[in-house]
PDB file of N, CA and C in Angstrom:
ATOM      1  N   MET A   1      -5.661   2.873  -7.106  1.00  0.00           N
ATOM      2  CA  MET A   1      -5.008   1.856  -6.335  1.00  0.00           C
ATOM      3  C   MET A   1      -5.157   0.535  -7.061  1.00  0.00           C
ATOM      4  N   LYS A   2      -4.063  -0.113  -7.357  1.00  0.00           N
ATOM      5  CA  LYS A   2      -4.089  -1.419  -7.980  1.00  0.00           C
ATOM      6  C   LYS A   2      -4.316  -2.453  -6.896  1.00  0.00           C
ATOM      7  N   LEU A   3      -5.278  -3.354  -7.117  1.00  0.00           N
ATOM      8  CA  LEU A   3      -5.625  -4.318  -6.092  1.00  0.00           C
ATOM      9  C   LEU A   3      -4.830  -5.612  -6.225  1.00  0.00           C
ATOM     10  N   HIS A   4      -4.902  -6.288  -7.353  1.00  0.00           N
ATOM     11  CA  HIS A   4      -4.111  -7.488  -7.585  1.00  0.00           C
ATOM     12  C   HIS A   4      -4.317  -7.992  -8.994  1.00  0.00           C
ATOM     13  N   LEU A   5      -3.504  -8.953  -9.394  1.00  0.00           N
ATOM     14  CA  LEU A   5      -3.586  -9.541 -10.718  1.00  0.00           C
ATOM     15  C   LEU A   5      -4.847 -10.374 -10.822  1.00  0.00           C
ATOM     16  N   HIS A   6      -5.582 -10.225 -11.898  1.00  0.00           N
ATOM     17  CA  HIS A   6      -6.832 -10.944 -12.096  1.00  0.00           C
ATOM     18  C   HIS A   6      -6.571 -12.328 -12.680  1.00  0.00           C
ATOM     19  N   THR A   7      -7.061 -13.364 -12.013  1.00  0.00           N
ATOM     20  CA  THR A   7      -6.917 -14.724 -12.516  1.00  0.00           C
ATOM     21  C   THR A   7      -8.238 -15.491 -12.480  1.00  0.00           C
ATOM     22  N   SER A   8      -9.333 -14.833 -12.137  1.00  0.00           N
ATOM     23  CA  SER A   8     -10.635 -15.478 -11.996  1.00  0.00           C
ATOM     24  C   SER A   8     -11.484 -15.225 -13.244  1.00  0.00           C
ATOM     25  N   PRO A   9     -12.385 -16.159 -13.599  1.00  0.00           N
ATOM     26  CA  PRO A   9     -13.298 -15.903 -14.721  1.00  0.00           C
ATOM     27  C   PRO A   9     -14.431 -14.951 -14.328  1.00  0.00           C
ATOM     28  N   LEU A  10     -14.520 -14.612 -13.066  1.00  0.00           N
ATOM     29  CA  LEU A  10     -15.566 -13.713 -12.585  1.00  0.00           C
ATOM     30  C   LEU A  10     -15.099 -12.267 -12.656  1.00  0.00           C
ATOM     31  N   ASN A  11     -16.046 -11.347 -12.629  1.00  0.00           N
ATOM     32  CA  ASN A  11     -15.715  -9.921 -12.678  1.00  0.00           C
ATOM     33  C   ASN A  11     -15.130  -9.467 -11.353  1.00  0.00           C
ATOM     34  N   LEU A  12     -13.899  -9.022 -11.416  1.00  0.00           N
ATOM     35  CA  LEU A  12     -13.146  -8.580 -10.251  1.00  0.00           C
ATOM     36  C   LEU A  12     -12.674  -7.151 -10.493  1.00  0.00           C
ATOM     37  N   VAL A  13     -12.772  -6.304  -9.489  1.00  0.00           N
ATOM     38  CA  VAL A  13     -12.232  -4.947  -9.611  1.00  0.00           C
ATOM     39  C   VAL A  13     -10.723  -5.068  -9.450  1.00  0.00           C
ATOM     40  N   THR A  14      -9.997  -4.743 -10.508  1.00  0.00           N
ATOM     41  CA  THR A  14      -8.546  -4.910 -10.490  1.00  0.00           C
ATOM     42  C   THR A  14      -7.798  -3.624 -10.181  1.00  0.00           C
ATOM     43  N   GLN A  15      -8.480  -2.479 -10.296  1.00  0.00           N
ATOM     44  CA  GLN A  15      -7.837  -1.192  -9.999  1.00  0.00           C
ATOM     45  C   GLN A  15      -8.921  -0.123  -9.943  1.00  0.00           C
ATOM     46  N   TYR A  16      -8.679   0.904  -9.151  1.00  0.00           N
ATOM     47  CA  TYR A  16      -9.589   2.049  -9.131  1.00  0.00           C
ATOM     48  C   TYR A  16      -8.811   3.305  -8.780  1.00  0.00           C
ATOM     49  N   GLY A  17      -9.405   4.432  -9.126  1.00  0.00           N
ATOM     50  CA  GLY A  17      -8.782   5.718  -8.835  1.00  0.00           C
ATOM     51  C   GLY A  17      -9.789   6.824  -9.059  1.00  0.00           C
ATOM     52  N   ASP A  18      -9.321   8.043  -9.073  1.00  0.00           N
ATOM     53  CA  ASP A  18     -10.184   9.196  -9.234  1.00  0.00           C
ATOM     54  C   ASP A  18     -10.859   9.178 -10.603  1.00  0.00           C
ATOM     55  N   GLY A  19     -12.155   8.883 -10.634  1.00  0.00           N
ATOM     56  CA  GLY A  19     -12.928   8.919 -11.871  1.00  0.00           C
ATOM     57  C   GLY A  19     -12.848   7.685 -12.742  1.00  0.00           C
ATOM     58  N   TYR A  20     -12.308   6.586 -12.228  1.00  0.00           N
ATOM     59  CA  TYR A  20     -12.257   5.358 -13.028  1.00  0.00           C
ATOM     60  C   TYR A  20     -12.200   4.134 -12.117  1.00  0.00           C
ATOM     61  N   LEU A  21     -12.526   3.006 -12.706  1.00  0.00           N
ATOM     62  CA  LEU A  21     -12.226   1.723 -12.101  1.00  0.00           C
ATOM     63  C   LEU A  21     -12.022   0.715 -13.217  1.00  0.00           C
ATOM     64  N   ASP A  22     -11.249  -0.298 -12.932  1.00  0.00           N
ATOM     65  CA  ASP A  22     -10.976  -1.363 -13.896  1.00  0.00           C
ATOM     66  C   ASP A  22     -11.619  -2.641 -13.390  1.00  0.00           C
ATOM     67  N   VAL A  23     -12.349  -3.296 -14.274  1.00  0.00           N
ATOM     68  CA  VAL A  23     -12.909  -4.609 -13.990  1.00  0.00           C
ATOM     69  C   VAL A  23     -12.241  -5.568 -14.957  1.00  0.00           C
ATOM     70  N   ASN A  24     -11.550  -6.560 -14.407  1.00  0.00           N
ATOM     71  CA  ASN A  24     -10.781  -7.495 -15.242  1.00  0.00           C
ATOM     72  C   ASN A  24      -9.864  -6.725 -16.189  1.00  0.00           C
ATOM     73  N   GLN A  25      -9.290  -5.661 -15.688  1.00  0.00           N
ATOM     74  CA  GLN A  25      -8.331  -4.826 -16.403  1.00  0.00           C
ATOM     75  C   GLN A  25      -8.932  -4.047 -17.571  1.00  0.00           C
ATOM     76  N   THR A  26     -10.275  -3.939 -17.621  1.00  0.00           N
ATOM     77  CA  THR A  26     -10.956  -3.088 -18.589  1.00  0.00           C
ATOM     78  C   THR A  26     -11.397  -1.834 -17.865  1.00  0.00           C
ATOM     79  N   ARG A  27     -11.050  -0.669 -18.372  1.00  0.00           N
ATOM     80  CA  ARG A  27     -11.305   0.602 -17.703  1.00  0.00           C
ATOM     81  C   ARG A  27     -12.725   1.093 -17.948  1.00  0.00           C
ATOM     82  N   TYR A  28     -13.357   1.578 -16.864  1.00  0.00           N
ATOM     83  CA  TYR A  28     -14.677   2.207 -16.906  1.00  0.00           C
ATOM     84  C   TYR A  28     -14.538   3.597 -16.302  1.00  0.00           C
ATOM     85  N   THR A  29     -15.112   4.588 -16.977  1.00  0.00           N
ATOM     86  CA  THR A  29     -15.033   5.965 -16.492  1.00  0.00           C
ATOM     87  C   THR A  29     -16.416   6.543 -16.216  1.00  0.00           C
ATOM     88  N   GLU A  30     -17.421   5.695 -16.243  1.00  0.00           N
ATOM     89  CA  GLU A  30     -18.781   6.104 -15.912  1.00  0.00           C
ATOM     90  C   GLU A  30     -19.308   5.163 -14.841  1.00  0.00           C
ATOM     91  N   ASN A  31     -20.339   5.592 -14.143  1.00  0.00           N
ATOM     92  CA  ASN A  31     -20.934   4.796 -13.072  1.00  0.00           C
ATOM     93  C   ASN A  31     -21.361   3.430 -13.607  1.00  0.00           C
ATOM     94  N   VAL A  32     -21.096   2.389 -12.813  1.00  0.00           N
ATOM     95  CA  VAL A  32     -21.375   1.027 -13.267  1.00  0.00           C
ATOM     96  C   VAL A  32     -21.965   0.174 -12.153  1.00  0.00           C
ATOM     97  N   LEU A  33     -22.608  -0.908 -12.578  1.00  0.00           N
ATOM     98  CA  LEU A  33     -22.952  -1.970 -11.650  1.00  0.00           C
ATOM     99  C   LEU A  33     -22.107  -3.166 -12.052  1.00  0.00           C
ATOM    100  N   ILE A  34     -21.683  -3.906 -11.054  1.00  0.00           N
ATOM    101  CA  ILE A  34     -20.813  -5.053 -11.276  1.00  0.00           C
ATOM    102  C   ILE A  34     -21.378  -6.240 -10.513  1.00  0.00           C
ATOM    103  N   THR A  35     -21.569  -7.347 -11.205  1.00  0.00           N
ATOM    104  CA  THR A  35     -21.898  -8.614 -10.565  1.00  0.00           C
ATOM    105  C   THR A  35     -20.800  -9.589 -10.968  1.00  0.00           C
ATOM    106  N   PRO A  36     -20.797 -10.772 -10.412  1.00  0.00           N
ATOM    107  CA  PRO A  36     -19.778 -11.729 -10.840  1.00  0.00           C
ATOM    108  C   PRO A  36     -19.794 -12.006 -12.353  1.00  0.00           C
ATOM    109  N   GLU A  37     -20.972 -11.859 -12.981  1.00  0.00           N
ATOM    110  CA  GLU A  37     -21.089 -12.178 -14.405  1.00  0.00           C
ATOM    111  C   GLU A  37     -21.307 -10.984 -15.324  1.00  0.00           C
ATOM    112  N   HIS A  38     -21.693  -9.821 -14.791  1.00  0.00           N
ATOM    113  CA  HIS A  38     -22.090  -8.678 -15.618  1.00  0.00           C
ATOM    114  C   HIS A  38     -21.425  -7.380 -15.171  1.00  0.00           C
ATOM    115  N   VAL A  39     -21.187  -6.510 -16.147  1.00  0.00           N
ATOM    116  CA  VAL A  39     -20.817  -5.112 -15.899  1.00  0.00           C
ATOM    117  C   VAL A  39     -21.713  -4.294 -16.812  1.00  0.00           C
ATOM    118  N   ALA A  40     -22.397  -3.305 -16.249  1.00  0.00           N
ATOM    119  CA  ALA A  40     -23.333  -2.505 -17.042  1.00  0.00           C
ATOM    120  C   ALA A  40     -23.372  -1.076 -16.508  1.00  0.00           C
ATOM    121  N   PRO A  41     -23.752  -0.119 -17.361  1.00  0.00           N
ATOM    122  CA  PRO A  41     -23.921   1.257 -16.887  1.00  0.00           C
ATOM    123  C   PRO A  41     -25.011   1.313 -15.819  1.00  0.00           C
ATOM    124  N   TRP A  42     -24.854   2.227 -14.869  1.00  0.00           N
ATOM    125  CA  TRP A  42     -25.844   2.378 -13.804  1.00  0.00           C
ATOM    126  C   TRP A  42     -25.721   3.765 -13.192  1.00  0.00           C
ATOM    127  N   GLY A  43     -26.829   4.329 -12.755  1.00  0.00           N
ATOM    128  CA  GLY A  43     -26.801   5.608 -12.054  1.00  0.00           C
ATOM    129  C   GLY A  43     -26.219   6.734 -12.878  1.00  0.00           C
ATOM    130  N   ARG A  44     -26.639   6.810 -14.113  1.00  0.00           N
ATOM    131  CA  ARG A  44     -26.057   7.792 -15.042  1.00  0.00           C
ATOM    132  C   ARG A  44     -26.207   9.232 -14.573  1.00  0.00           C
ATOM    133  N   ALA A  45     -27.238   9.512 -13.785  1.00  0.00           N
ATOM    134  CA  ALA A  45     -27.484  10.889 -13.353  1.00  0.00           C
ATOM    135  C   ALA A  45     -26.687  11.268 -12.112  1.00  0.00           C
ATOM    136  N   GLY A  46     -25.855  10.376 -11.606  1.00  0.00           N
ATOM    137  CA  GLY A  46     -25.055  10.682 -10.425  1.00  0.00           C
ATOM    138  C   GLY A  46     -25.860  10.586  -9.143  1.00  0.00           C
ATOM    139  N   PHE A  47     -25.215  10.881  -8.023  1.00  0.00           N
ATOM    140  CA  PHE A  47     -25.836  10.695  -6.720  1.00  0.00           C
ATOM    141  C   PHE A  47     -27.142  11.469  -6.585  1.00  0.00           C
ATOM    142  N   ASP A  48     -27.125  12.733  -6.926  1.00  0.00           N
ATOM    143  CA  ASP A  48     -28.322  13.569  -6.752  1.00  0.00           C
ATOM    144  C   ASP A  48     -29.459  13.174  -7.685  1.00  0.00           C
ATOM    145  N   GLY A  49     -29.160  12.465  -8.750  1.00  0.00           N
ATOM    146  CA  GLY A  49     -30.189  12.049  -9.693  1.00  0.00           C
ATOM    147  C   GLY A  49     -30.661  10.615  -9.509  1.00  0.00           C
ATOM    148  N   LEU A  50     -30.179   9.921  -8.478  1.00  0.00           N
ATOM    149  CA  LEU A  50     -30.600   8.537  -8.257  1.00  0.00           C
ATOM    150  C   LEU A  50     -32.087   8.472  -7.935  1.00  0.00           C
ATOM    151  N   SER A  51     -32.726   7.409  -8.425  1.00  0.00           N
ATOM    152  CA  SER A  51     -34.157   7.224  -8.190  1.00  0.00           C
ATOM    153  C   SER A  51     -34.401   5.837  -7.605  1.00  0.00           C
ATOM    154  N   ALA A  52     -35.593   5.644  -7.095  1.00  0.00           N
ATOM    155  CA  ALA A  52     -35.987   4.331  -6.590  1.00  0.00           C
ATOM    156  C   ALA A  52     -35.906   3.296  -7.711  1.00  0.00           C
ATOM    157  N   GLU A  53     -36.174   3.721  -8.939  1.00  0.00           N
ATOM    158  CA  GLU A  53     -36.117   2.809 -10.075  1.00  0.00           C
ATOM    159  C   GLU A  53     -34.685   2.325 -10.344  1.00  0.00           C
ATOM    160  N   ASP A  54     -33.701   3.203 -10.120  1.00  0.00           N
ATOM    161  CA  ASP A  54     -32.302   2.795 -10.294  1.00  0.00           C
ATOM    162  C   ASP A  54     -31.967   1.626  -9.379  1.00  0.00           C
ATOM    163  N   PHE A  55     -32.397   1.708  -8.122  1.00  0.00           N
ATOM    164  CA  PHE A  55     -32.113   0.637  -7.169  1.00  0.00           C
ATOM    165  C   PHE A  55     -33.007  -0.579  -7.420  1.00  0.00           C
ATOM    166  N   ALA A  56     -34.275  -0.367  -7.767  1.00  0.00           N
ATOM    167  CA  ALA A  56     -35.187  -1.484  -8.038  1.00  0.00           C
ATOM    168  C   ALA A  56     -34.703  -2.317  -9.221  1.00  0.00           C
ATOM    169  N   ALA A  57     -34.054  -1.676 -10.185  1.00  0.00           N
ATOM    170  CA  ALA A  57     -33.532  -2.399 -11.354  1.00  0.00           C
ATOM    171  C   ALA A  57     -32.478  -3.436 -10.955  1.00  0.00           C
ATOM    172  N   LEU A  58     -31.860  -3.273  -9.801  1.00  0.00           N
ATOM    173  CA  LEU A  58     -30.835  -4.216  -9.342  1.00  0.00           C
ATOM    174  C   LEU A  58     -31.436  -5.553  -8.926  1.00  0.00           C
ATOM    175  N   LEU A  59     -32.746  -5.584  -8.662  1.00  0.00           N
ATOM    176  CA  LEU A  59     -33.414  -6.821  -8.264  1.00  0.00           C
ATOM    177  C   LEU A  59     -33.284  -7.918  -9.315  1.00  0.00           C
ATOM    178  N   GLU A  60     -33.239  -7.535 -10.588  1.00  0.00           N
ATOM    179  CA  GLU A  60     -33.169  -8.540 -11.657  1.00  0.00           C
ATOM    180  C   GLU A  60     -31.896  -9.386 -11.586  1.00  0.00           C
ATOM    181  N   TYR A  61     -30.879  -8.896 -10.891  1.00  0.00           N
ATOM    182  CA  TYR A  61     -29.619  -9.637 -10.758  1.00  0.00           C
ATOM    183  C   TYR A  61     -29.622 -10.582  -9.558  1.00  0.00           C
ATOM    184  N   THR A  62     -30.694 -10.585  -8.779  1.00  0.00           N
ATOM    185  CA  THR A  62     -30.887 -11.422  -7.595  1.00  0.00           C
ATOM    186  C   THR A  62     -29.674 -11.471  -6.653  1.00  0.00           C
ATOM    187  N   PRO A  63     -29.180 -10.308  -6.238  1.00  0.00           N
ATOM    188  CA  PRO A  63     -28.056 -10.318  -5.297  1.00  0.00           C
ATOM    189  C   PRO A  63     -28.534 -10.656  -3.890  1.00  0.00           C
ATOM    190  N   GLU A  64     -27.625 -11.124  -3.051  1.00  0.00           N
ATOM    191  CA  GLU A  64     -27.950 -11.242  -1.630  1.00  0.00           C
ATOM    192  C   GLU A  64     -27.531  -9.973  -0.896  1.00  0.00           C
ATOM    193  N   VAL A  65     -26.566  -9.262  -1.477  1.00  0.00           N
ATOM    194  CA  VAL A  65     -26.131  -7.994  -0.893  1.00  0.00           C
ATOM    195  C   VAL A  65     -25.722  -7.036  -2.010  1.00  0.00           C
ATOM    196  N   VAL A  66     -26.089  -5.766  -1.841  1.00  0.00           N
ATOM    197  CA  VAL A  66     -25.686  -4.699  -2.755  1.00  0.00           C
ATOM    198  C   VAL A  66     -24.697  -3.823  -2.010  1.00  0.00           C
ATOM    199  N   VAL A  67     -23.537  -3.628  -2.607  1.00  0.00           N
ATOM    200  CA  VAL A  67     -22.533  -2.714  -2.076  1.00  0.00           C
ATOM    201  C   VAL A  67     -22.632  -1.448  -2.917  1.00  0.00           C
ATOM    202  N   PHE A  68     -23.075  -0.368  -2.286  1.00  0.00           N
ATOM    203  CA  PHE A  68     -23.264   0.902  -2.995  1.00  0.00           C
ATOM    204  C   PHE A  68     -22.065   1.793  -2.740  1.00  0.00           C
ATOM    205  N   GLY A  69     -21.324   2.102  -3.808  1.00  0.00           N
ATOM    206  CA  GLY A  69     -20.203   3.030  -3.732  1.00  0.00           C
ATOM    207  C   GLY A  69     -20.688   4.412  -4.095  1.00  0.00           C
ATOM    208  N   ALA A  70     -20.748   5.303  -3.110  1.00  0.00           N
ATOM    209  CA  ALA A  70     -21.381   6.605  -3.266  1.00  0.00           C
ATOM    210  C   ALA A  70     -20.489   7.664  -3.899  1.00  0.00           C
ATOM    211  N   GLY A  71     -19.288   7.300  -4.318  1.00  0.00           N
ATOM    212  CA  GLY A  71     -18.366   8.273  -4.887  1.00  0.00           C
ATOM    213  C   GLY A  71     -17.161   8.450  -3.984  1.00  0.00           C
ATOM    214  N   ALA A  72     -16.471   9.571  -4.153  1.00  0.00           N
ATOM    215  CA  ALA A  72     -15.240   9.822  -3.401  1.00  0.00           C
ATOM    216  C   ALA A  72     -15.488  10.012  -1.910  1.00  0.00           C
ATOM    217  N   ARG A  73     -16.688  10.426  -1.549  1.00  0.00           N
ATOM    218  CA  ARG A  73     -16.999  10.583  -0.122  1.00  0.00           C
ATOM    219  C   ARG A  73     -18.272   9.815   0.210  1.00  0.00           C
ATOM    220  N   LEU A  74     -18.402   9.437   1.453  1.00  0.00           N
ATOM    221  CA  LEU A  74     -19.547   8.669   1.914  1.00  0.00           C
ATOM    222  C   LEU A  74     -20.795   9.536   1.964  1.00  0.00           C
ATOM    223  N   ARG A  75     -21.824   9.099   1.250  1.00  0.00           N
ATOM    224  CA  ARG A  75     -23.132   9.750   1.272  1.00  0.00           C
ATOM    225  C   ARG A  75     -24.174   8.647   1.275  1.00  0.00           C
ATOM    226  N   PHE A  76     -25.218   8.814   2.060  1.00  0.00           N
ATOM    227  CA  PHE A  76     -26.249   7.795   2.168  1.00  0.00           C
ATOM    228  C   PHE A  76     -27.467   8.173   1.331  1.00  0.00           C
ATOM    229  N   PRO A  77     -27.934   7.253   0.477  1.00  0.00           N
ATOM    230  CA  PRO A  77     -29.167   7.531  -0.264  1.00  0.00           C
ATOM    231  C   PRO A  77     -30.357   7.485   0.692  1.00  0.00           C
ATOM    232  N   HIS A  78     -31.401   8.222   0.377  1.00  0.00           N
ATOM    233  CA  HIS A  78     -32.612   8.202   1.195  1.00  0.00           C
ATOM    234  C   HIS A  78     -33.155   6.769   1.225  1.00  0.00           C
ATOM    235  N   PRO A  79     -33.643   6.301   2.371  1.00  0.00           N
ATOM    236  CA  PRO A  79     -34.171   4.928   2.459  1.00  0.00           C
ATOM    237  C   PRO A  79     -35.280   4.612   1.463  1.00  0.00           C
ATOM    238  N   ARG A  80     -36.031   5.605   1.038  1.00  0.00           N
ATOM    239  CA  ARG A  80     -37.083   5.324   0.046  1.00  0.00           C
ATOM    240  C   ARG A  80     -36.481   4.857  -1.281  1.00  0.00           C
ATOM    241  N   LEU A  81     -35.231   5.258  -1.562  1.00  0.00           N
ATOM    242  CA  LEU A  81     -34.587   4.842  -2.808  1.00  0.00           C
ATOM    243  C   LEU A  81     -34.212   3.364  -2.783  1.00  0.00           C
ATOM    244  N   THR A  82     -33.835   2.853  -1.643  1.00  0.00           N
ATOM    245  CA  THR A  82     -33.387   1.459  -1.534  1.00  0.00           C
ATOM    246  C   THR A  82     -34.479   0.535  -1.001  1.00  0.00           C
ATOM    247  N   ALA A  83     -35.686   1.039  -0.834  1.00  0.00           N
ATOM    248  CA  ALA A  83     -36.782   0.272  -0.235  1.00  0.00           C
ATOM    249  C   ALA A  83     -37.076  -1.034  -0.969  1.00  0.00           C
ATOM    250  N   ALA A  84     -37.042  -1.037  -2.295  1.00  0.00           N
ATOM    251  CA  ALA A  84     -37.338  -2.268  -3.038  1.00  0.00           C
ATOM    252  C   ALA A  84     -36.337  -3.372  -2.669  1.00  0.00           C
ATOM    253  N   LEU A  85     -35.085  -2.999  -2.487  1.00  0.00           N
ATOM    254  CA  LEU A  85     -34.065  -3.983  -2.117  1.00  0.00           C
ATOM    255  C   LEU A  85     -34.270  -4.481  -0.686  1.00  0.00           C
ATOM    256  N   THR A  86     -34.444  -3.566   0.247  1.00  0.00           N
ATOM    257  CA  THR A  86     -34.610  -3.985   1.641  1.00  0.00           C
ATOM    258  C   THR A  86     -35.911  -4.754   1.840  1.00  0.00           C
ATOM    259  N   ASN A  87     -36.969  -4.375   1.122  1.00  0.00           N
ATOM    260  CA  ASN A  87     -38.236  -5.115   1.216  1.00  0.00           C
ATOM    261  C   ASN A  87     -38.108  -6.531   0.668  1.00  0.00           C
ATOM    262  N   ALA A  88     -37.159  -6.746  -0.235  1.00  0.00           N
ATOM    263  CA  ALA A  88     -36.916  -8.080  -0.795  1.00  0.00           C
ATOM    264  C   ALA A  88     -35.914  -8.873   0.053  1.00  0.00           C
ATOM    265  N   GLY A  89     -35.476  -8.296   1.166  1.00  0.00           N
ATOM    266  CA  GLY A  89     -34.534  -8.988   2.044  1.00  0.00           C
ATOM    267  C   GLY A  89     -33.096  -8.940   1.569  1.00  0.00           C
ATOM    268  N   ILE A  90     -32.791  -7.995   0.700  1.00  0.00           N
ATOM    269  CA  ILE A  90     -31.432  -7.845   0.170  1.00  0.00           C
ATOM    270  C   ILE A  90     -30.708  -6.786   0.994  1.00  0.00           C
ATOM    271  N   GLY A  91     -29.542  -7.134   1.499  1.00  0.00           N
ATOM    272  CA  GLY A  91     -28.758  -6.189   2.278  1.00  0.00           C
ATOM    273  C   GLY A  91     -28.192  -5.094   1.393  1.00  0.00           C
ATOM    274  N   VAL A  92     -28.157  -3.880   1.914  1.00  0.00           N
ATOM    275  CA  VAL A  92     -27.578  -2.745   1.200  1.00  0.00           C
ATOM    276  C   VAL A  92     -26.513  -2.122   2.105  1.00  0.00           C
ATOM    277  N   GLU A  93     -25.276  -2.160   1.646  1.00  0.00           N
ATOM    278  CA  GLU A  93     -24.162  -1.578   2.388  1.00  0.00           C
ATOM    279  C   GLU A  93     -23.690  -0.335   1.635  1.00  0.00           C
ATOM    280  N   VAL A  94     -23.584   0.778   2.330  1.00  0.00           N
ATOM    281  CA  VAL A  94     -23.211   2.049   1.718  1.00  0.00           C
ATOM    282  C   VAL A  94     -21.809   2.422   2.182  1.00  0.00           C
ATOM    283  N   MET A  95     -20.957   2.801   1.225  1.00  0.00           N
ATOM    284  CA  MET A  95     -19.588   3.212   1.545  1.00  0.00           C
ATOM    285  C   MET A  95     -19.058   4.067   0.412  1.00  0.00           C
ATOM    286  N   ASP A  96     -17.862   4.634   0.595  1.00  0.00           N
ATOM    287  CA  ASP A  96     -17.279   5.374  -0.518  1.00  0.00           C
ATOM    288  C   ASP A  96     -16.861   4.360  -1.593  1.00  0.00           C
ATOM    289  N   THR A  97     -16.573   4.844  -2.785  1.00  0.00           N
ATOM    290  CA  THR A  97     -16.319   3.947  -3.910  1.00  0.00           C
ATOM    291  C   THR A  97     -15.097   3.057  -3.709  1.00  0.00           C
ATOM    292  N   GLY A  98     -14.018   3.578  -3.148  1.00  0.00           N
ATOM    293  CA  GLY A  98     -12.841   2.751  -2.902  1.00  0.00           C
ATOM    294  C   GLY A  98     -13.154   1.585  -1.984  1.00  0.00           C
ATOM    295  N   ALA A  99     -13.847   1.860  -0.892  1.00  0.00           N
ATOM    296  CA  ALA A  99     -14.230   0.809   0.042  1.00  0.00           C
ATOM    297  C   ALA A  99     -15.192  -0.177  -0.615  1.00  0.00           C
ATOM    298  N   ALA A 100     -16.084   0.325  -1.460  1.00  0.00           N
ATOM    299  CA  ALA A 100     -17.031  -0.553  -2.148  1.00  0.00           C
ATOM    300  C   ALA A 100     -16.306  -1.517  -3.082  1.00  0.00           C
ATOM    301  N   CYS A 101     -15.291  -1.047  -3.789  1.00  0.00           N
ATOM    302  CA  CYS A 101     -14.514  -1.908  -4.680  1.00  0.00           C
ATOM    303  C   CYS A 101     -13.820  -3.017  -3.888  1.00  0.00           C
ATOM    304  N   ARG A 102     -13.195  -2.645  -2.792  1.00  0.00           N
ATOM    305  CA  ARG A 102     -12.495  -3.635  -1.961  1.00  0.00           C
ATOM    306  C   ARG A 102     -13.474  -4.633  -1.351  1.00  0.00           C
ATOM    307  N   THR A 103     -14.594  -4.138  -0.846  1.00  0.00           N
ATOM    308  CA  THR A 103     -15.591  -5.012  -0.217  1.00  0.00           C
ATOM    309  C   THR A 103     -16.208  -5.955  -1.230  1.00  0.00           C
ATOM    310  N   TYR A 104     -16.516  -5.448  -2.423  1.00  0.00           N
ATOM    311  CA  TYR A 104     -17.048  -6.301  -3.488  1.00  0.00           C
ATOM    312  C   TYR A 104     -16.096  -7.471  -3.740  1.00  0.00           C
ATOM    313  N   ASN A 105     -14.809  -7.194  -3.888  1.00  0.00           N
ATOM    314  CA  ASN A 105     -13.831  -8.255  -4.154  1.00  0.00           C
ATOM    315  C   ASN A 105     -13.780  -9.276  -3.027  1.00  0.00           C
ATOM    316  N   VAL A 106     -13.827  -8.822  -1.793  1.00  0.00           N
ATOM    317  CA  VAL A 106     -13.799  -9.746  -0.648  1.00  0.00           C
ATOM    318  C   VAL A 106     -15.031 -10.637  -0.661  1.00  0.00           C
ATOM    319  N   LEU A 107     -16.214 -10.036  -0.839  1.00  0.00           N
ATOM    320  CA  LEU A 107     -17.441 -10.826  -0.855  1.00  0.00           C
ATOM    321  C   LEU A 107     -17.470 -11.791  -2.037  1.00  0.00           C
ATOM    322  N   LEU A 108     -16.959 -11.350  -3.170  1.00  0.00           N
ATOM    323  CA  LEU A 108     -16.862 -12.227  -4.335  1.00  0.00           C
ATOM    324  C   LEU A 108     -15.975 -13.430  -4.027  1.00  0.00           C
ATOM    325  N   SER A 109     -14.849 -13.195  -3.355  1.00  0.00           N
ATOM    326  CA  SER A 109     -13.928 -14.288  -3.024  1.00  0.00           C
ATOM    327  C   SER A 109     -14.546 -15.274  -2.042  1.00  0.00           C
ATOM    328  N   GLU A 110     -15.573 -14.836  -1.327  1.00  0.00           N
ATOM    329  CA  GLU A 110     -16.292 -15.701  -0.383  1.00  0.00           C
ATOM    330  C   GLU A 110     -17.485 -16.388  -1.041  1.00  0.00           C
ATOM    331  N   ASP A 111     -17.568 -16.286  -2.375  1.00  0.00           N
ATOM    332  CA  ASP A 111     -18.673 -16.878  -3.148  1.00  0.00           C
ATOM    333  C   ASP A 111     -20.039 -16.330  -2.761  1.00  0.00           C
ATOM    334  N   ARG A 112     -20.067 -15.069  -2.342  1.00  0.00           N
ATOM    335  CA  ARG A 112     -21.334 -14.420  -2.029  1.00  0.00           C
ATOM    336  C   ARG A 112     -21.951 -13.888  -3.317  1.00  0.00           C
ATOM    337  N   ARG A 113     -23.242 -13.817  -3.373  1.00  0.00           N
ATOM    338  CA  ARG A 113     -23.974 -13.270  -4.528  1.00  0.00           C
ATOM    339  C   ARG A 113     -24.032 -11.749  -4.336  1.00  0.00           C
ATOM    340  N   VAL A 114     -22.960 -11.074  -4.723  1.00  0.00           N
ATOM    341  CA  VAL A 114     -22.780  -9.649  -4.466  1.00  0.00           C
ATOM    342  C   VAL A 114     -22.961  -8.838  -5.737  1.00  0.00           C
ATOM    343  N   LEU A 115     -23.460  -7.631  -5.570  1.00  0.00           N
ATOM    344  CA  LEU A 115     -23.572  -6.669  -6.661  1.00  0.00           C
ATOM    345  C   LEU A 115     -23.012  -5.353  -6.147  1.00  0.00           C
ATOM    346  N   ALA A 116     -22.133  -4.747  -6.918  1.00  0.00           N
ATOM    347  CA  ALA A 116     -21.610  -3.418  -6.585  1.00  0.00           C
ATOM    348  C   ALA A 116     -22.252  -2.409  -7.527  1.00  0.00           C
ATOM    349  N   ALA A 117     -22.879  -1.399  -6.948  1.00  0.00           N
ATOM    350  CA  ALA A 117     -23.427  -0.274  -7.716  1.00  0.00           C
ATOM    351  C   ALA A 117     -22.535   0.905  -7.366  1.00  0.00           C
ATOM    352  N   VAL A 118     -21.744   1.333  -8.347  1.00  0.00           N
ATOM    353  CA  VAL A 118     -20.626   2.235  -8.065  1.00  0.00           C
ATOM    354  C   VAL A 118     -20.759   3.559  -8.822  1.00  0.00           C
ATOM    355  N   LEU A 119     -20.671   4.643  -8.051  1.00  0.00           N
ATOM    356  CA  LEU A 119     -20.620   5.972  -8.642  1.00  0.00           C
ATOM    357  C   LEU A 119     -19.170   6.416  -8.673  1.00  0.00           C
ATOM    358  N   LEU A 120     -18.731   6.880  -9.812  1.00  0.00           N
ATOM    359  CA  LEU A 120     -17.366   7.358  -9.942  1.00  0.00           C
ATOM    360  C   LEU A 120     -17.359   8.850  -9.804  1.00  0.00           C
TER     361      LEU A 120
END
């Protein structure tokens, strides 16, 4: 699904589909984390291989909210995996990847300190 034309200097999800997403019109086909300033690989082992360390690593980006895109269908990670984030007072919202892409863009447009951790 194409979202809209990118005109911002910040990282915006411009399109997504089965097994890919575009950030600023650059295609990614592996799981990624996206902040307004950074795009990096994340969650390489997929949903079943996620660890507490994968989520704790997101703390270095100092988000106020993490939008976790669990893939094509909604799946919730065990609370022990996201404990470092919730203990730091960082909100964690879980949704399917399409919803996570859309929500990330909305929060970004509101100047929120958002991070999307997305499984493709």
